[in-house]
Amino acid sequence: MNSTHIFKKGCLVLLGLLFSASLWAHGGAAGTDTDQCKFELEPGHWLHYTAYQPNAYPAEDFCANIPRINEATLLVFDYQDMKYRDMSVEFEVTKEPEGTRVFFLPAEKHKKGTVELKLPNGVPEAGKYLIHITLVPDSGNRLDAHMGFKAGGGEAVSKNSILLYVFFALAGLYVIYLSHAGFKSKVDEAIEKLKS
């Protein structure tokens, strides 16, 4: 096998990894889930949460750290179980540790399985916040679940953006390698030196 063939195969493997669904996904396989934006409402029944600040960061999503205060914020919840679509669910956001209410959505059924909480002015100050989600069944006990987040920590670094920059840099180098004979010969020489 010559060095050019090895280099091309390596680039193809790298491209495969970059476009792999498991690399870009939030979580992992059953039992190894690392999705920090997902929390358990009841044992084995999950809700996925994502926060957006579309005016300041139109292409970013957040979870445990929301960068700005006093900025329009959208909190989106996706039921991962169909059964919650037929249950009334109440949402509340409080500033902690004081417990001051920042947002409240009374109990209602969300048939489409997605709930959007629009906070037009975001949260008023930097610090810790708690999202309270309460299942309000037609009969039986209410069930409370909580998820915390921090606000006002400044701009978050996006891992997706960094990976995209690396991908485009490598793709650019590969294009130069294929189209520029001088660069190609230097790369081939370097690979030969590494092999020996």
Protein backbone atom coordinates (compact mmCIF):
# COMPACT_ATOMS: atom_id res chain seq x y z
CA MET A 1 0.00 0.00 0.00
CA ASN A 2 1.40 3.39 -0.89
CA SER A 3 1.25 6.45 1.35
CA THR A 4 -1.31 8.22 -0.83
CA HIS A 5 -3.71 5.32 -0.47
CA ILE A 6 -3.24 5.29 3.31
CA PHE A 7 -3.76 9.05 3.51
CA LYS A 8 -6.96 8.85 1.44
CA LYS A 9 -8.32 6.01 3.59
CA GLY A 10 -7.50 7.98 6.74
CA CYS A 11 -9.38 11.01 5.42
CA LEU A 12 -12.40 8.85 4.56
CA VAL A 13 -12.42 7.38 8.08
CA LEU A 14 -12.23 10.89 9.54
CA LEU A 15 -15.14 12.04 7.37
CA GLY A 16 -17.14 9.00 8.45
CA LEU A 17 -16.55 9.85 12.10
CA LEU A 18 -17.48 13.49 11.63
CA PHE A 19 -20.78 12.60 10.03
CA SER A 20 -21.53 9.75 12.40
CA ALA A 21 -24.86 10.14 14.18
CA SER A 22 -23.43 8.81 17.43
CA LEU A 23 -20.75 11.52 17.49
CA TRP A 24 -23.28 14.35 17.15
CA ALA A 25 -26.00 12.80 19.35
CA HIS A 26 -26.69 13.97 22.89
CA GLY A 27 -26.61 10.56 24.50
CA GLY A 28 -25.25 7.08 24.07
CA ALA A 29 -26.44 3.50 24.06
CA ALA A 30 -28.85 2.10 26.64
CA GLY A 31 -27.23 2.08 30.05
CA THR A 32 -24.52 4.55 28.99
CA ASP A 33 -26.64 7.61 28.26
CA THR A 34 -24.74 10.83 28.89
CA ASP A 35 -27.45 13.28 27.80
CA GLN A 36 -27.22 16.08 30.35
CA CYS A 37 -30.35 17.72 28.94
CA LYS A 38 -32.60 14.81 29.80
CA PHE A 39 -34.16 14.09 33.14
CA GLU A 40 -36.43 11.53 34.69
CA LEU A 41 -40.02 12.49 35.47
CA GLU A 42 -40.83 9.05 36.80
CA PRO A 43 -38.62 5.95 36.98
CA GLY A 44 -37.85 5.00 33.38
CA HIS A 45 -39.83 7.93 31.89
CA TRP A 46 -37.82 10.84 30.53
CA LEU A 47 -38.21 14.41 29.37
CA HIS A 48 -35.69 16.19 27.14
CA TYR A 49 -34.92 19.87 27.74
CA THR A 50 -33.17 22.45 25.55
CA ALA A 51 -32.72 26.19 26.10
CA TYR A 52 -32.30 28.80 23.37
CA GLN A 53 -31.43 32.49 23.29
CA PRO A 54 -32.34 33.07 19.64
CA ASN A 55 -31.57 36.79 19.47
CA ALA A 56 -28.07 36.54 20.94
CA TYR A 57 -27.12 33.02 19.81
CA PRO A 58 -29.35 32.06 16.87
CA ALA A 59 -27.50 28.82 16.04
CA GLU A 60 -26.79 27.57 19.58
CA ASP A 61 -28.68 25.46 22.08
CA PHE A 62 -27.97 25.26 25.79
CA CYS A 63 -28.76 23.05 28.72
CA ALA A 64 -27.23 23.51 32.17
CA ASN A 65 -25.62 26.90 31.41
CA ILE A 66 -27.49 29.74 29.77
CA PRO A 67 -25.05 32.53 28.83
CA ARG A 68 -27.05 35.76 29.18
CA ILE A 69 -29.47 37.33 31.63
CA ASN A 70 -32.21 39.77 30.58
CA GLU A 71 -32.22 38.12 27.15
CA ALA A 72 -35.21 36.50 25.44
CA THR A 73 -35.02 32.82 26.33
CA LEU A 74 -36.95 29.83 25.07
CA LEU A 75 -37.08 26.63 27.14
CA VAL A 76 -38.26 23.64 25.12
CA PHE A 77 -39.38 20.34 26.64
CA ASP A 78 -39.99 17.19 24.59
CA TYR A 79 -41.85 14.28 26.13
CA GLN A 80 -40.10 11.02 25.37
CA ASP A 81 -43.18 9.05 26.46
CA MET A 82 -46.57 9.27 24.76
CA LYS A 83 -48.41 8.88 28.08
CA TYR A 84 -47.53 12.44 29.17
CA ARG A 85 -49.48 13.89 26.25
CA ASP A 86 -52.68 12.90 28.07
CA MET A 87 -51.59 14.26 31.45
CA SER A 88 -51.76 17.83 32.71
CA VAL A 89 -48.30 19.21 33.34
CA GLU A 90 -47.38 22.42 35.17
CA PHE A 91 -44.10 24.31 34.63
CA GLU A 92 -42.40 26.81 36.93
CA VAL A 93 -38.96 28.45 36.95
CA THR A 94 -37.60 29.82 40.23
CA LYS A 95 -34.43 31.69 41.26
CA GLU A 96 -32.53 29.69 43.86
CA PRO A 97 -31.94 29.52 46.77
CA GLU A 98 -34.63 32.18 47.38
CA GLY A 99 -37.33 30.28 45.48
CA THR A 100 -38.52 33.48 43.74
CA ARG A 101 -40.84 32.66 40.84
CA VAL A 102 -39.57 33.85 37.45
CA PHE A 103 -42.04 32.02 35.22
CA PHE A 104 -45.19 29.92 35.64
CA LEU A 105 -47.33 27.93 33.20
CA PRO A 106 -50.47 26.46 34.79
CA ALA A 107 -51.24 22.77 34.38
CA GLU A 108 -52.52 21.81 30.96
CA LYS A 109 -52.30 18.92 28.49
CA HIS A 110 -49.75 19.26 25.70
CA LYS A 111 -50.99 16.89 23.00
CA LYS A 112 -48.15 17.50 20.55
CA GLY A 113 -45.54 16.33 23.06
CA THR A 114 -43.50 19.53 22.98
CA VAL A 115 -43.83 22.44 25.38
CA GLU A 116 -42.23 25.83 24.74
CA LEU A 117 -41.79 28.22 27.64
CA LYS A 118 -41.17 31.72 26.33
CA LEU A 119 -39.41 34.05 28.72
CA PRO A 120 -39.38 37.32 26.72
CA ASN A 121 -36.99 38.99 29.19
CA GLY A 122 -35.12 35.83 30.15
CA VAL A 123 -34.04 35.58 33.77
CA PRO A 124 -33.38 38.77 35.77
CA GLU A 125 -30.03 38.01 37.39
CA ALA A 126 -27.04 35.71 37.21
CA GLY A 127 -27.09 32.60 39.36
CA LYS A 128 -28.82 29.29 39.86
CA TYR A 129 -32.36 28.52 38.72
CA LEU A 130 -34.63 25.54 39.11
CA ILE A 131 -37.22 24.27 36.65
CA HIS A 132 -40.14 22.59 38.45
CA ILE A 133 -42.23 20.20 36.39
CA THR A 134 -45.35 18.87 38.08
CA LEU A 135 -47.48 16.06 36.68
CA VAL A 136 -51.09 16.68 37.66
CA PRO A 137 -53.00 13.43 37.07
CA ASP A 138 -56.81 13.35 36.90
CA SER A 139 -56.67 11.22 40.05
CA GLY A 140 -53.89 10.38 42.46
CA ASN A 141 -50.90 12.30 43.73
CA ARG A 142 -49.05 15.10 41.99
CA LEU A 143 -45.51 14.22 40.96
CA ASP A 144 -42.74 16.82 41.01
CA ALA A 145 -39.47 16.71 39.07
CA HIS A 146 -36.73 19.35 39.07
CA MET A 147 -33.85 20.38 36.87
CA GLY A 148 -31.37 23.13 37.59
CA PHE A 149 -29.47 25.51 35.35
CA LYS A 150 -27.13 28.47 35.74
CA ALA A 151 -27.63 31.76 33.93
CA GLY A 152 -25.37 34.69 33.19
CA GLY A 153 -22.08 32.87 32.77
CA GLY A 154 -21.23 34.51 29.45
CA GLU A 155 -20.92 32.99 26.03
CA ALA A 156 -20.64 29.23 26.00
CA VAL A 157 -18.08 27.48 23.85
CA SER A 158 -19.80 25.28 21.33
CA LYS A 159 -18.15 21.90 20.78
CA ASN A 160 -20.13 21.52 17.57
CA SER A 161 -18.65 24.75 16.18
CA ILE A 162 -15.11 23.69 17.04
CA LEU A 163 -15.63 20.31 15.37
CA LEU A 164 -17.00 22.01 12.26
CA TYR A 165 -13.97 24.31 12.05
CA VAL A 166 -11.62 21.33 12.37
CA PHE A 167 -13.59 19.44 9.73
CA PHE A 168 -13.46 22.33 7.25
CA ALA A 169 -9.75 22.86 7.89
CA LEU A 170 -9.03 19.18 7.22
CA ALA A 171 -11.28 19.18 4.17
CA GLY A 172 -9.44 22.25 2.84
CA LEU A 173 -6.08 20.58 3.38
CA TYR A 174 -7.32 17.47 1.58
CA VAL A 175 -8.50 19.54 -1.40
CA ILE A 176 -5.10 21.26 -1.53
CA TYR A 177 -3.42 17.85 -1.30
CA LEU A 178 -5.40 16.58 -4.28
CA SER A 179 -5.03 19.69 -6.43
CA HIS A 180 -1.55 21.04 -5.71
CA ALA A 181 1.36 18.83 -6.85
CA GLY A 182 3.99 20.60 -4.69
CA PHE A 183 1.94 20.24 -1.49
CA LYS A 184 1.11 16.63 -2.38
CA SER A 185 4.78 15.73 -2.84
CA LYS A 186 5.73 17.33 0.51
CA VAL A 187 2.96 15.41 2.31
CA ASP A 188 3.99 12.18 0.59
CA GLU A 189 7.62 12.79 1.61
CA ALA A 190 6.59 13.39 5.22
CA ILE A 191 4.54 10.19 5.24
CA GLU A 192 7.49 8.25 3.79
CA LYS A 193 9.76 9.60 6.55
CA LEU A 194 7.23 8.58 9.18
CA LYS A 195 6.99 5.09 7.74
CA SER A 196 10.76 4.53 7.82
